[in-house]
N, C-alpha and C. Protein backbone atom coordinates (compact mmCIF):
# COMPACT_ATOMS: atom_id res chain seq x y z
N MET A 1 -7.27 4.65 -5.13
CA MET A 1 -6.35 4.83 -4.03
C MET A 1 -4.93 4.93 -4.58
N GLU A 2 -4.25 5.95 -4.20
CA GLU A 2 -2.87 6.12 -4.65
C GLU A 2 -1.92 5.62 -3.58
N HIS A 3 -0.80 5.12 -4.03
CA HIS A 3 0.23 4.64 -3.12
C HIS A 3 1.35 5.67 -3.05
N LEU A 4 2.09 5.65 -1.95
CA LEU A 4 3.22 6.54 -1.82
C LEU A 4 4.33 6.10 -2.77
N THR A 5 5.06 7.07 -3.29
CA THR A 5 6.18 6.75 -4.15
C THR A 5 7.43 6.58 -3.31
N GLN A 6 8.47 6.07 -3.94
CA GLN A 6 9.74 5.89 -3.23
C GLN A 6 10.28 7.26 -2.80
N LEU A 7 10.13 8.27 -3.65
CA LEU A 7 10.58 9.62 -3.31
C LEU A 7 9.83 10.14 -2.08
N GLN A 8 8.53 9.91 -2.03
CA GLN A 8 7.75 10.35 -0.87
C GLN A 8 8.21 9.65 0.40
N ARG A 9 8.59 8.39 0.28
CA ARG A 9 9.10 7.67 1.45
C ARG A 9 10.40 8.29 1.95
N TYR A 10 11.27 8.69 1.02
CA TYR A 10 12.51 9.37 1.42
C TYR A 10 12.21 10.72 2.06
N GLU A 11 11.22 11.41 1.52
CA GLU A 11 10.85 12.72 2.10
C GLU A 11 10.31 12.53 3.52
N ILE A 12 9.51 11.50 3.75
CA ILE A 12 8.99 11.22 5.09
C ILE A 12 10.16 10.99 6.04
N SER A 13 11.12 10.19 5.61
CA SER A 13 12.28 9.88 6.44
C SER A 13 13.05 11.15 6.80
N CYS A 14 13.32 11.98 5.81
CA CYS A 14 14.07 13.23 6.05
C CYS A 14 13.32 14.15 7.00
N LYS A 15 12.03 14.29 6.78
CA LYS A 15 11.23 15.18 7.62
C LYS A 15 11.18 14.67 9.07
N LEU A 16 11.09 13.36 9.25
CA LEU A 16 11.10 12.82 10.61
C LEU A 16 12.43 13.09 11.30
N LYS A 17 13.53 12.96 10.55
CA LYS A 17 14.87 13.17 11.12
C LYS A 17 15.09 14.60 11.58
N VAL A 18 14.48 15.57 10.88
CA VAL A 18 14.66 16.97 11.27
C VAL A 18 13.59 17.45 12.26
N GLY A 19 12.69 16.51 12.66
CA GLY A 19 11.76 16.84 13.71
C GLY A 19 10.36 17.25 13.29
N PHE A 20 10.01 17.05 12.03
CA PHE A 20 8.65 17.35 11.59
C PHE A 20 7.67 16.41 12.30
N SER A 21 6.50 16.91 12.61
CA SER A 21 5.44 16.06 13.17
C SER A 21 4.73 15.36 12.01
N LYS A 22 3.93 14.37 12.33
CA LYS A 22 3.16 13.67 11.30
C LYS A 22 2.23 14.64 10.58
N THR A 23 1.65 15.55 11.34
CA THR A 23 0.74 16.53 10.76
C THR A 23 1.47 17.44 9.76
N GLN A 24 2.67 17.84 10.10
CA GLN A 24 3.45 18.68 9.19
C GLN A 24 3.83 17.91 7.92
N ILE A 25 4.13 16.64 8.07
CA ILE A 25 4.47 15.81 6.90
C ILE A 25 3.25 15.66 6.00
N VAL A 26 2.08 15.48 6.59
CA VAL A 26 0.83 15.37 5.82
C VAL A 26 0.64 16.62 4.98
N LYS A 27 0.81 17.78 5.58
CA LYS A 27 0.63 19.04 4.86
C LYS A 27 1.68 19.19 3.77
N TYR A 28 2.92 18.80 4.06
CA TYR A 28 4.01 18.94 3.09
C TYR A 28 3.77 18.04 1.87
N LEU A 29 3.38 16.79 2.10
CA LEU A 29 3.17 15.84 1.01
C LEU A 29 1.79 15.95 0.37
N LYS A 30 0.88 16.64 1.05
CA LYS A 30 -0.49 16.81 0.56
C LYS A 30 -1.17 15.45 0.35
N VAL A 31 -1.09 14.62 1.39
CA VAL A 31 -1.77 13.32 1.38
C VAL A 31 -2.66 13.26 2.61
N ASP A 32 -3.55 12.28 2.63
CA ASP A 32 -4.43 12.10 3.78
C ASP A 32 -3.62 11.71 5.01
N ARG A 33 -4.03 12.17 6.16
CA ARG A 33 -3.26 11.91 7.38
C ARG A 33 -3.18 10.43 7.68
N ASN A 34 -4.24 9.67 7.33
CA ASN A 34 -4.21 8.23 7.56
C ASN A 34 -3.15 7.53 6.73
N THR A 35 -2.84 8.09 5.57
CA THR A 35 -1.80 7.52 4.72
C THR A 35 -0.46 7.50 5.44
N ILE A 36 -0.13 8.61 6.08
CA ILE A 36 1.15 8.72 6.80
C ILE A 36 1.14 7.82 8.03
N HIS A 37 0.05 7.83 8.76
CA HIS A 37 -0.04 6.99 9.96
C HIS A 37 0.10 5.51 9.61
N ARG A 38 -0.60 5.08 8.55
CA ARG A 38 -0.50 3.67 8.13
C ARG A 38 0.90 3.35 7.62
N GLU A 39 1.48 4.27 6.87
CA GLU A 39 2.84 4.06 6.34
C GLU A 39 3.83 3.83 7.47
N LEU A 40 3.77 4.67 8.49
CA LEU A 40 4.71 4.55 9.60
C LEU A 40 4.43 3.29 10.42
N LYS A 41 3.18 2.94 10.56
CA LYS A 41 2.83 1.75 11.34
C LYS A 41 3.25 0.48 10.61
N ARG A 42 2.97 0.39 9.32
CA ARG A 42 3.24 -0.82 8.54
C ARG A 42 4.72 -1.00 8.21
N ASN A 43 5.40 0.10 7.96
CA ASN A 43 6.71 0.00 7.34
C ASN A 43 7.89 0.41 8.21
N SER A 44 7.66 0.73 9.45
CA SER A 44 8.79 1.03 10.34
C SER A 44 9.43 -0.27 10.78
N ASN A 45 10.69 -0.19 11.18
CA ASN A 45 11.41 -1.36 11.67
C ASN A 45 10.74 -1.84 12.95
N GLN A 46 10.37 -3.11 12.99
CA GLN A 46 9.63 -3.63 14.14
C GLN A 46 10.48 -3.67 15.40
N LYS A 47 11.78 -3.85 15.26
CA LYS A 47 12.65 -3.94 16.44
C LYS A 47 12.97 -2.57 17.02
N THR A 48 13.33 -1.63 16.14
CA THR A 48 13.77 -0.32 16.63
C THR A 48 12.69 0.74 16.58
N GLY A 49 11.68 0.54 15.72
CA GLY A 49 10.64 1.54 15.55
C GLY A 49 11.06 2.66 14.61
N ALA A 50 12.29 2.58 14.09
CA ALA A 50 12.79 3.61 13.17
C ALA A 50 12.19 3.42 11.78
N TYR A 51 12.01 4.53 11.09
CA TYR A 51 11.46 4.49 9.74
C TYR A 51 12.61 4.58 8.74
N ASP A 52 12.76 3.56 7.92
CA ASP A 52 13.79 3.51 6.88
C ASP A 52 13.08 3.42 5.54
N PRO A 53 13.27 4.40 4.66
CA PRO A 53 12.53 4.39 3.38
C PRO A 53 12.85 3.19 2.50
N GLU A 54 14.07 2.67 2.57
CA GLU A 54 14.42 1.51 1.76
C GLU A 54 13.70 0.26 2.27
N LEU A 55 13.66 0.10 3.58
CA LEU A 55 12.92 -1.01 4.18
C LEU A 55 11.43 -0.88 3.86
N ALA A 56 10.91 0.34 3.95
CA ALA A 56 9.50 0.59 3.66
C ALA A 56 9.16 0.21 2.22
N GLU A 57 10.04 0.55 1.30
CA GLU A 57 9.80 0.24 -0.11
C GLU A 57 9.84 -1.27 -0.33
N ARG A 58 10.79 -1.96 0.32
CA ARG A 58 10.86 -3.42 0.19
C ARG A 58 9.60 -4.08 0.74
N LYS A 59 9.12 -3.61 1.90
CA LYS A 59 7.91 -4.17 2.49
C LYS A 59 6.71 -3.94 1.57
N TYR A 60 6.63 -2.74 1.03
CA TYR A 60 5.53 -2.40 0.11
C TYR A 60 5.56 -3.32 -1.12
N ARG A 61 6.72 -3.47 -1.73
CA ARG A 61 6.85 -4.30 -2.93
C ARG A 61 6.51 -5.77 -2.63
N ARG A 62 6.94 -6.26 -1.46
CA ARG A 62 6.64 -7.64 -1.09
C ARG A 62 5.13 -7.83 -0.93
N ARG A 63 4.46 -6.87 -0.25
CA ARG A 63 3.01 -6.97 -0.10
C ARG A 63 2.30 -6.96 -1.45
N MET A 64 2.77 -6.12 -2.37
CA MET A 64 2.14 -6.04 -3.69
C MET A 64 2.36 -7.33 -4.47
N SER A 65 3.53 -7.96 -4.34
CA SER A 65 3.79 -9.19 -5.08
C SER A 65 2.99 -10.36 -4.51
N GLU A 66 2.69 -10.33 -3.22
CA GLU A 66 1.92 -11.41 -2.60
C GLU A 66 0.42 -11.23 -2.76
N LYS A 67 0.02 -10.07 -3.19
CA LYS A 67 -1.40 -9.76 -3.36
C LYS A 67 -1.99 -10.61 -4.49
N PRO A 68 -3.16 -11.20 -4.26
CA PRO A 68 -3.76 -12.02 -5.32
C PRO A 68 -4.02 -11.18 -6.57
N LYS A 69 -3.70 -11.75 -7.71
CA LYS A 69 -3.89 -11.05 -8.98
C LYS A 69 -5.31 -11.26 -9.48
N ARG A 70 -5.84 -10.24 -10.11
CA ARG A 70 -7.18 -10.31 -10.66
C ARG A 70 -7.18 -11.22 -11.88
N LYS A 71 -8.10 -12.15 -11.90
CA LYS A 71 -8.20 -13.08 -13.02
C LYS A 71 -9.32 -12.62 -13.95
N PRO A 72 -9.04 -12.57 -15.24
CA PRO A 72 -10.05 -12.07 -16.17
C PRO A 72 -11.24 -13.02 -16.27
N PHE A 73 -12.39 -12.44 -16.56
CA PHE A 73 -13.62 -13.21 -16.72
C PHE A 73 -13.68 -13.66 -18.18
N THR A 74 -13.22 -14.85 -18.44
CA THR A 74 -13.11 -15.37 -19.80
C THR A 74 -14.46 -15.92 -20.28
N GLU A 75 -14.51 -16.21 -21.56
CA GLU A 75 -15.72 -16.81 -22.14
C GLU A 75 -15.99 -18.17 -21.50
N GLU A 76 -14.91 -18.89 -21.20
CA GLU A 76 -15.03 -20.20 -20.56
C GLU A 76 -15.73 -20.07 -19.20
N LYS A 77 -15.31 -19.09 -18.43
CA LYS A 77 -15.92 -18.87 -17.11
C LYS A 77 -17.37 -18.40 -17.25
N ARG A 78 -17.63 -17.60 -18.27
CA ARG A 78 -19.00 -17.13 -18.50
C ARG A 78 -19.90 -18.30 -18.83
N ASP A 79 -19.42 -19.20 -19.70
CA ASP A 79 -20.21 -20.37 -20.07
C ASP A 79 -20.47 -21.26 -18.86
N LEU A 80 -19.47 -21.43 -18.01
CA LEU A 80 -19.62 -22.24 -16.81
C LEU A 80 -20.66 -21.61 -15.87
N ALA A 81 -20.56 -20.31 -15.68
CA ALA A 81 -21.50 -19.60 -14.81
C ALA A 81 -22.93 -19.71 -15.36
N THR A 82 -23.07 -19.56 -16.66
CA THR A 82 -24.39 -19.67 -17.29
C THR A 82 -24.96 -21.07 -17.09
N ALA A 83 -24.11 -22.08 -17.28
CA ALA A 83 -24.56 -23.46 -17.12
C ALA A 83 -25.00 -23.72 -15.68
N LEU A 84 -24.23 -23.25 -14.72
CA LEU A 84 -24.57 -23.45 -13.31
C LEU A 84 -25.87 -22.74 -12.94
N LEU A 85 -26.05 -21.56 -13.48
CA LEU A 85 -27.29 -20.81 -13.21
C LEU A 85 -28.49 -21.49 -13.84
N MET A 86 -28.31 -22.04 -15.03
CA MET A 86 -29.41 -22.70 -15.73
C MET A 86 -29.83 -23.98 -14.99
N GLU A 87 -28.86 -24.64 -14.34
CA GLU A 87 -29.17 -25.85 -13.58
C GLU A 87 -30.09 -25.52 -12.39
N GLN A 88 -29.95 -24.33 -11.86
CA GLN A 88 -30.73 -23.94 -10.67
C GLN A 88 -32.17 -23.60 -11.02
N LEU A 89 -32.46 -23.37 -12.27
CA LEU A 89 -33.82 -23.00 -12.68
C LEU A 89 -34.72 -24.16 -12.78
């Protein structure tokens, strides 16, 4: 899954200001239509409903920083898993 870039967010904002429809923006950016719909829903200003690319980028970065990080499967964890499985036999 690819994420929108900051440049794409600015392009969305510009296209909305000049009156492009969501469908036209999808064709222009060559992304899935759901990507644009989700972007506008998640990242528009909740009070005004306006789309601001800087606010959208901040919201995106905050969500990514809060996202749980993948923890590597270490030898220690493998040994623990093996021991627990062996206990069940």
